[in-house]
């Protein structure tokens, strides 16, 4: 059985915790972790990793990660790296080999700056917002299939940030995604305080209003617990943008159907930029992918795609824009 199917076959959703229009359904699984790694935040804090531009002149879609640890380092898709010439987010989840320097694919989330602030990057306490992660994942998957690369649709990344900043009154001189989170930090911090990982919880299904938004699951409960605050900010900022509060969460049966649909999807594997294989899952109305290494699922991310639009050949998978989604939620209320 493939590691994805192994995880999903044993995943059991629990009753959700809800706050501010966000509901989190805990997932526990019988799958066992096999790989000893450091998370990026742990490695940076211990001065075992450096993240920097690939050269003095730099390259927008690439960064260098120097891993001086004796263990690989796990970087999660959407983790934001701040500083250097402009802020970036990881395009995919990556397992950076021990004692090596690896080039990783990234996207810019600060369109108005290309000037050095620091020699190395620091790690922010947030992930890219969930809708942006979903659309970026779709474009990266398209890149994997068409060219074998891992590039995102950078223009769409910038447009998504600009739209959200305008909707949430968080424009900045450099069009930085960070400004959105900083503007709404008080509300996001309060959301984070409302959600804590349960014992043995290795993942969660996240719902915004009465609709399932996505899933993030990991090989270890400790990894999920460490990353949960970032995940709550990622999904929570989308809920705040829509102005939701205490809408009724989806039924647990809907969560089960979401997992079942995902488990039935077609799985593709492509050699990763670091260790292991990038996975891509084709399932009905879902964008999904993650990382497998040594027959172990390290991270699985999946996002509901309630509306498909085919505007042109280069934009095969995009999500309902803000106004469409806001109107939809208001009709449901």
Protein backbone atom coordinates (compact mmCIF):
# COMPACT_ATOMS: atom_id res chain seq x y z
CA UNK A 1 0.00 0.00 0.00
CA UNK A 2 1.28 3.46 -0.89
CA UNK A 3 2.23 5.60 2.15
CA UNK A 4 -0.52 8.11 1.32
CA UNK A 5 -3.17 5.41 1.23
CA UNK A 6 -1.68 3.82 4.33
CA UNK A 7 -2.05 7.09 6.20
CA UNK A 8 -5.54 7.87 4.93
CA UNK A 9 -6.85 4.36 5.53
CA UNK A 10 -6.03 4.71 9.21
CA UNK A 11 -6.92 8.39 9.63
CA UNK A 12 -9.86 8.99 11.95
CA UNK A 13 -11.36 12.50 12.22
CA UNK A 14 -12.47 13.70 15.62
CA UNK A 15 -14.98 16.32 16.72
CA UNK A 16 -13.88 19.81 15.73
CA UNK A 17 -12.76 22.80 17.72
CA UNK A 18 -14.20 26.03 16.31
CA UNK A 19 -13.46 29.73 16.66
CA UNK A 20 -13.82 32.78 14.45
CA UNK A 21 -15.26 30.95 11.46
CA UNK A 22 -12.47 28.35 11.53
CA UNK A 23 -13.08 24.73 12.50
CA UNK A 24 -10.28 22.21 13.02
CA UNK A 25 -11.06 18.48 12.85
CA UNK A 26 -8.23 16.48 14.49
CA UNK A 27 -6.78 13.51 12.64
CA UNK A 28 -5.05 10.58 14.23
CA UNK A 29 -3.43 7.78 12.25
CA UNK A 30 -1.79 4.45 12.92
CA UNK A 31 1.01 5.16 10.40
CA UNK A 32 4.47 5.08 12.00
CA UNK A 33 7.25 7.64 11.50
CA UNK A 34 10.54 6.29 10.13
CA UNK A 35 12.84 9.28 9.57
CA UNK A 36 14.72 11.36 12.13
CA UNK A 37 14.85 14.99 10.98
CA UNK A 38 14.97 18.54 12.27
CA UNK A 39 12.33 21.12 11.45
CA UNK A 40 13.68 24.26 9.80
CA UNK A 41 12.92 26.39 12.85
CA UNK A 42 14.80 24.01 15.14
CA UNK A 43 17.81 23.91 12.83
CA UNK A 44 17.96 27.70 12.47
CA UNK A 45 17.69 28.20 16.22
CA UNK A 46 20.60 25.79 16.75
CA UNK A 47 22.64 27.54 14.03
CA UNK A 48 22.81 24.31 12.04
CA UNK A 49 21.28 25.74 8.87
CA UNK A 50 21.76 28.85 6.75
CA UNK A 51 19.33 30.02 4.09
CA UNK A 52 20.60 32.63 1.63
CA UNK A 53 20.39 33.93 -1.92
CA UNK A 54 22.03 31.65 -4.50
CA UNK A 55 24.53 34.40 -5.42
CA UNK A 56 25.27 38.07 -4.80
CA UNK A 57 22.89 39.01 -7.61
CA UNK A 58 20.25 36.51 -6.44
CA UNK A 59 17.47 34.64 -8.28
CA UNK A 60 13.81 35.13 -7.44
CA UNK A 61 12.67 31.45 -7.73
CA UNK A 62 15.66 29.83 -5.96
CA UNK A 63 17.46 29.88 -2.61
CA UNK A 64 20.37 27.96 -1.11
CA UNK A 65 19.97 25.94 2.08
CA UNK A 66 23.22 24.93 3.76
CA UNK A 67 22.53 22.11 6.21
CA UNK A 68 25.40 21.60 8.64
CA UNK A 69 23.43 19.16 10.83
CA UNK A 70 23.94 15.41 10.95
CA UNK A 71 20.25 14.95 10.16
CA UNK A 72 18.06 16.11 7.27
CA UNK A 73 15.96 19.25 7.72
CA UNK A 74 12.26 19.40 6.84
CA UNK A 75 10.91 22.59 5.22
CA UNK A 76 7.13 22.83 4.85
CA UNK A 77 5.47 24.24 1.75
CA UNK A 78 4.42 27.84 2.33
CA UNK A 79 6.89 28.49 5.17
CA UNK A 80 7.96 32.12 4.84
CA UNK A 81 11.62 33.14 4.82
CA UNK A 82 12.18 36.83 5.53
CA UNK A 83 15.15 39.08 4.79
CA UNK A 84 17.93 39.00 2.16
CA UNK A 85 16.72 40.63 -1.08
CA UNK A 86 13.01 39.86 -0.71
CA UNK A 87 10.77 37.58 1.33
CA UNK A 88 10.02 34.15 -0.14
CA UNK A 89 7.90 31.06 0.59
CA UNK A 90 8.82 27.43 -0.07
CA UNK A 91 7.07 26.04 -3.15
CA UNK A 92 6.99 22.48 -1.84
CA UNK A 93 7.74 20.49 1.27
CA UNK A 94 11.42 19.53 1.13
CA UNK A 95 13.73 17.23 3.09
CA UNK A 96 17.17 18.84 2.82
CA UNK A 97 19.99 16.28 3.11
CA UNK A 98 22.38 16.36 6.06
CA UNK A 99 25.80 18.00 5.58
CA UNK A 100 24.94 19.35 2.13
CA UNK A 101 23.94 22.58 0.42
CA UNK A 102 20.73 22.31 -1.62
CA UNK A 103 18.99 24.67 -4.03
CA UNK A 104 15.28 24.92 -3.23
CA UNK A 105 12.36 26.30 -5.28
CA UNK A 106 10.60 29.33 -3.80
CA UNK A 107 8.16 32.10 -4.68
CA UNK A 108 8.45 35.79 -3.92
CA UNK A 109 5.88 37.26 -1.50
CA UNK A 110 7.24 40.81 -1.52
CA UNK A 111 6.95 42.15 -5.06
CA UNK A 112 8.18 45.69 -4.33
CA UNK A 113 11.64 44.96 -2.89
CA UNK A 114 14.87 43.73 -4.44
CA UNK A 115 17.46 45.12 -2.05
CA UNK A 116 19.48 43.27 0.53
CA UNK A 117 18.31 43.58 4.14
CA UNK A 118 20.44 40.75 5.53
CA UNK A 119 22.92 38.13 4.37
CA UNK A 120 20.71 35.25 5.54
CA UNK A 121 17.02 34.60 5.89
CA UNK A 122 15.06 34.25 9.10
CA UNK A 123 11.93 32.12 9.47
CA UNK A 124 8.54 33.76 10.06
CA UNK A 125 5.94 32.31 12.43
CA UNK A 126 3.42 31.79 9.67
CA UNK A 127 2.70 29.97 6.45
CA UNK A 128 1.40 31.46 3.24
CA UNK A 129 -2.40 31.83 3.44
CA UNK A 130 -4.26 28.66 2.56
CA UNK A 131 -5.84 29.86 -0.69
CA UNK A 132 -2.43 31.02 -1.89
CA UNK A 133 -0.86 27.68 -0.94
CA UNK A 134 -3.54 25.84 -2.90
CA UNK A 135 -3.14 27.89 -6.07
CA UNK A 136 0.65 27.77 -5.84
CA UNK A 137 0.53 23.98 -5.43
CA UNK A 138 -1.60 23.69 -8.56
CA UNK A 139 0.83 25.74 -10.63
CA UNK A 140 3.88 23.91 -9.26
CA UNK A 141 2.26 20.59 -10.17
CA UNK A 142 1.70 21.92 -13.69
CA UNK A 143 5.39 22.87 -13.83
CA UNK A 144 6.39 19.38 -12.65
CA UNK A 145 4.36 17.70 -15.37
CA UNK A 146 5.26 20.04 -18.24
CA UNK A 147 8.95 20.85 -17.63
CA UNK A 148 10.08 18.76 -14.66
CA UNK A 149 10.64 22.00 -12.73
CA UNK A 150 9.14 23.22 -9.47
CA UNK A 151 8.26 26.81 -10.36
CA UNK A 152 5.05 28.55 -9.38
CA UNK A 153 2.99 31.02 -11.37
CA UNK A 154 4.74 33.99 -9.77
CA UNK A 155 2.39 36.58 -11.27
CA UNK A 156 -0.58 34.81 -9.69
CA UNK A 157 1.18 34.66 -6.33
CA UNK A 158 1.60 38.44 -6.46
CA UNK A 159 -2.00 38.99 -7.60
CA UNK A 160 -3.35 36.87 -4.75
CA UNK A 161 -1.34 38.86 -2.21
CA UNK A 162 -2.42 42.19 -3.72
CA UNK A 163 -6.08 41.12 -3.67
CA UNK A 164 -5.95 39.97 -0.08
CA UNK A 165 -4.05 43.08 1.04
CA UNK A 166 -6.69 45.31 -0.58
CA UNK A 167 -9.57 43.31 0.90
CA UNK A 168 -8.03 43.43 4.38
CA UNK A 169 -6.70 46.99 4.37
CA UNK A 170 -3.09 45.86 4.58
CA UNK A 171 -1.29 47.36 1.59
CA UNK A 172 2.41 48.06 2.10
CA UNK A 173 5.19 49.93 0.29
CA UNK A 174 6.77 46.66 -0.86
CA UNK A 175 3.52 44.70 -1.40
CA UNK A 176 4.63 42.27 1.30
CA UNK A 177 2.46 39.36 2.39
CA UNK A 178 3.86 39.89 5.88
CA UNK A 179 1.97 43.19 6.15
CA UNK A 180 -1.36 41.33 6.00
CA UNK A 181 -0.43 39.12 8.95
CA UNK A 182 1.03 42.02 10.91
CA UNK A 183 -2.09 44.14 10.40
CA UNK A 184 -4.28 41.33 11.79
CA UNK A 185 -1.81 39.89 14.29
CA UNK A 186 -4.03 40.43 17.33
CA UNK A 187 -6.93 38.46 15.89
CA UNK A 188 -4.63 35.73 14.60
CA UNK A 189 -2.87 35.39 17.95
CA UNK A 190 -6.25 34.97 19.62
CA UNK A 191 -7.16 32.25 17.12
CA UNK A 192 -3.89 30.44 17.80
CA UNK A 193 -4.66 30.40 21.53
CA UNK A 194 -7.95 28.60 20.87
CA UNK A 195 -6.43 25.56 19.13
CA UNK A 196 -4.12 23.01 20.70
CA UNK A 197 -2.98 19.66 19.37
CA UNK A 198 -4.38 16.56 21.03
CA UNK A 199 -2.22 13.70 22.17
CA UNK A 200 -1.36 11.54 19.18
CA UNK A 201 -2.77 14.04 16.67
CA UNK A 202 -0.73 14.06 13.48
CA UNK A 203 -2.92 16.20 11.25
CA UNK A 204 -6.15 18.11 10.80
CA UNK A 205 -8.87 18.95 8.33
CA UNK A 206 -9.59 22.67 8.32
CA UNK A 207 -12.98 24.17 7.49
CA UNK A 208 -13.86 27.81 6.89
CA UNK A 209 -17.49 28.53 7.59
CA UNK A 210 -19.48 25.47 6.61
CA UNK A 211 -17.08 24.35 3.88
CA UNK A 212 -14.02 22.12 4.10
CA UNK A 213 -10.96 24.09 3.01
CA UNK A 214 -8.02 21.72 3.32
CA UNK A 215 -5.93 19.16 5.13
CA UNK A 216 -2.39 19.12 6.52
CA UNK A 217 -0.99 15.91 7.98
CA UNK A 218 2.48 14.80 9.05
CA UNK A 219 4.38 11.66 9.97
CA UNK A 220 4.79 12.68 13.62
CA UNK A 221 2.43 14.22 16.19
CA UNK A 222 5.37 16.35 17.40
CA UNK A 223 5.76 17.87 13.93
CA UNK A 224 2.06 18.69 13.72
CA UNK A 225 2.02 20.21 17.22
CA UNK A 226 4.97 22.47 16.38
CA UNK A 227 3.45 23.64 13.10
CA UNK A 228 -0.17 24.00 14.27
CA UNK A 229 0.13 27.73 15.13
CA UNK A 230 1.42 28.43 11.63
CA UNK A 231 -1.38 26.38 10.10
CA UNK A 232 -4.03 28.19 12.16
CA UNK A 233 -2.68 31.53 10.92
CA UNK A 234 -2.67 30.23 7.32
CA UNK A 235 -6.30 29.11 7.34
CA UNK A 236 -7.40 31.72 9.87
CA UNK A 237 -6.37 34.71 7.77
CA UNK A 238 -8.63 33.40 4.97
CA UNK A 239 -11.54 33.12 7.42
CA UNK A 240 -10.87 36.66 8.63
CA UNK A 241 -10.83 37.96 5.06
CA UNK A 242 -14.34 36.57 4.55
CA UNK A 243 -15.61 38.15 7.76
CA UNK A 244 -16.85 34.86 9.19
CA UNK A 245 -17.50 34.34 12.87
CA UNK A 246 -19.43 31.41 14.32
CA UNK A 247 -20.91 29.62 11.32
CA UNK A 248 -21.86 25.98 11.71
CA UNK A 249 -18.96 23.67 10.87
CA UNK A 250 -19.36 20.86 8.32
CA UNK A 251 -20.63 17.52 9.62
CA UNK A 252 -17.98 14.96 10.49
CA UNK A 253 -19.44 12.75 7.74
CA UNK A 254 -18.38 15.39 5.20
CA UNK A 255 -14.84 15.20 6.54
CA UNK A 256 -14.93 11.42 6.13
CA UNK A 257 -16.10 11.81 2.53
CA UNK A 258 -13.30 14.30 1.86
CA UNK A 259 -10.72 11.80 3.14
CA UNK A 260 -12.29 8.94 1.19
CA UNK A 261 -12.22 10.97 -2.02
CA UNK A 262 -8.57 11.84 -1.44
CA UNK A 263 -7.65 8.20 -0.76
CA UNK A 264 -9.20 7.18 -4.07
CA UNK A 265 -7.09 9.66 -6.03
CA UNK A 266 -4.41 8.78 -8.57
CA UNK A 267 -0.89 9.26 -7.17
CA UNK A 268 2.12 10.44 -9.19
CA UNK A 269 5.68 10.58 -7.87
CA UNK A 270 8.55 12.79 -9.03
CA UNK A 271 12.10 12.88 -7.61
CA UNK A 272 12.25 15.70 -5.06
CA UNK A 273 14.70 18.61 -4.98
CA UNK A 274 16.01 17.13 -1.72
CA UNK A 275 15.48 13.63 -0.38
CA UNK A 276 12.51 11.48 -1.32
CA UNK A 277 9.77 12.02 -3.88
CA UNK A 278 7.27 14.79 -4.45
CA UNK A 279 3.78 13.36 -4.73
CA UNK A 280 0.86 14.69 -6.72
CA UNK A 281 -2.66 13.39 -6.24
CA UNK A 282 -5.45 13.63 -8.78
CA UNK A 283 -8.79 13.42 -7.00
CA UNK A 284 -12.20 14.91 -7.71
CA UNK A 285 -12.26 18.67 -6.97
CA UNK A 286 -9.08 18.47 -4.84
CA UNK A 287 -5.56 19.83 -5.22
CA UNK A 288 -3.18 17.61 -3.22
CA UNK A 289 0.49 16.82 -2.85
CA UNK A 290 3.25 16.20 -0.37
CA UNK A 291 6.51 14.41 0.29
CA UNK A 292 7.36 10.72 0.70
CA UNK A 293 10.79 9.45 1.76
CA UNK A 294 11.91 5.94 2.74
CA UNK A 295 8.34 4.68 2.24
CA UNK A 296 7.11 7.18 4.82
CA UNK A 297 4.64 10.05 4.26
CA UNK A 298 6.29 13.11 5.79
CA UNK A 299 3.68 15.68 4.79
CA UNK A 300 0.39 15.65 2.94
CA UNK A 301 -1.42 18.85 1.97
CA UNK A 302 -4.81 18.84 0.24
CA UNK A 303 -7.19 21.65 -0.64
CA UNK A 304 -10.79 21.56 -1.75
CA UNK A 305 -11.37 23.10 -5.14
CA UNK A 306 -15.11 23.88 -5.16
CA UNK A 307 -15.09 25.72 -8.48
CA UNK A 308 -12.94 25.02 -11.50
CA UNK A 309 -12.39 27.75 -14.03
CA UNK A 310 -10.52 27.22 -17.27
CA UNK A 311 -9.71 30.78 -18.30
CA UNK A 312 -6.78 29.79 -20.51
CA UNK A 313 -4.37 26.97 -21.08
CA UNK A 314 -1.88 28.38 -18.58
CA UNK A 315 -4.42 28.66 -15.77
CA UNK A 316 -6.02 25.24 -15.56
CA UNK A 317 -6.79 25.24 -11.87
CA UNK A 318 -7.79 28.36 -9.99
CA UNK A 319 -10.11 29.00 -7.12
CA UNK A 320 -13.21 31.15 -6.78
CA UNK A 321 -12.12 34.75 -6.28
CA UNK A 322 -12.83 36.69 -3.10
CA UNK A 323 -16.11 38.22 -4.17
CA UNK A 324 -17.49 34.90 -5.42
CA UNK A 325 -16.52 33.15 -2.20
CA UNK A 326 -17.88 35.92 0.01
CA UNK A 327 -21.22 35.90 -1.83
CA UNK A 328 -21.37 32.11 -1.56
CA UNK A 329 -20.82 32.14 2.18
CA UNK A 330 -23.38 34.91 2.70
CA UNK A 331 -26.01 32.96 0.75
CA UNK A 332 -25.36 29.91 2.95
CA UNK A 333 -25.80 32.01 6.10
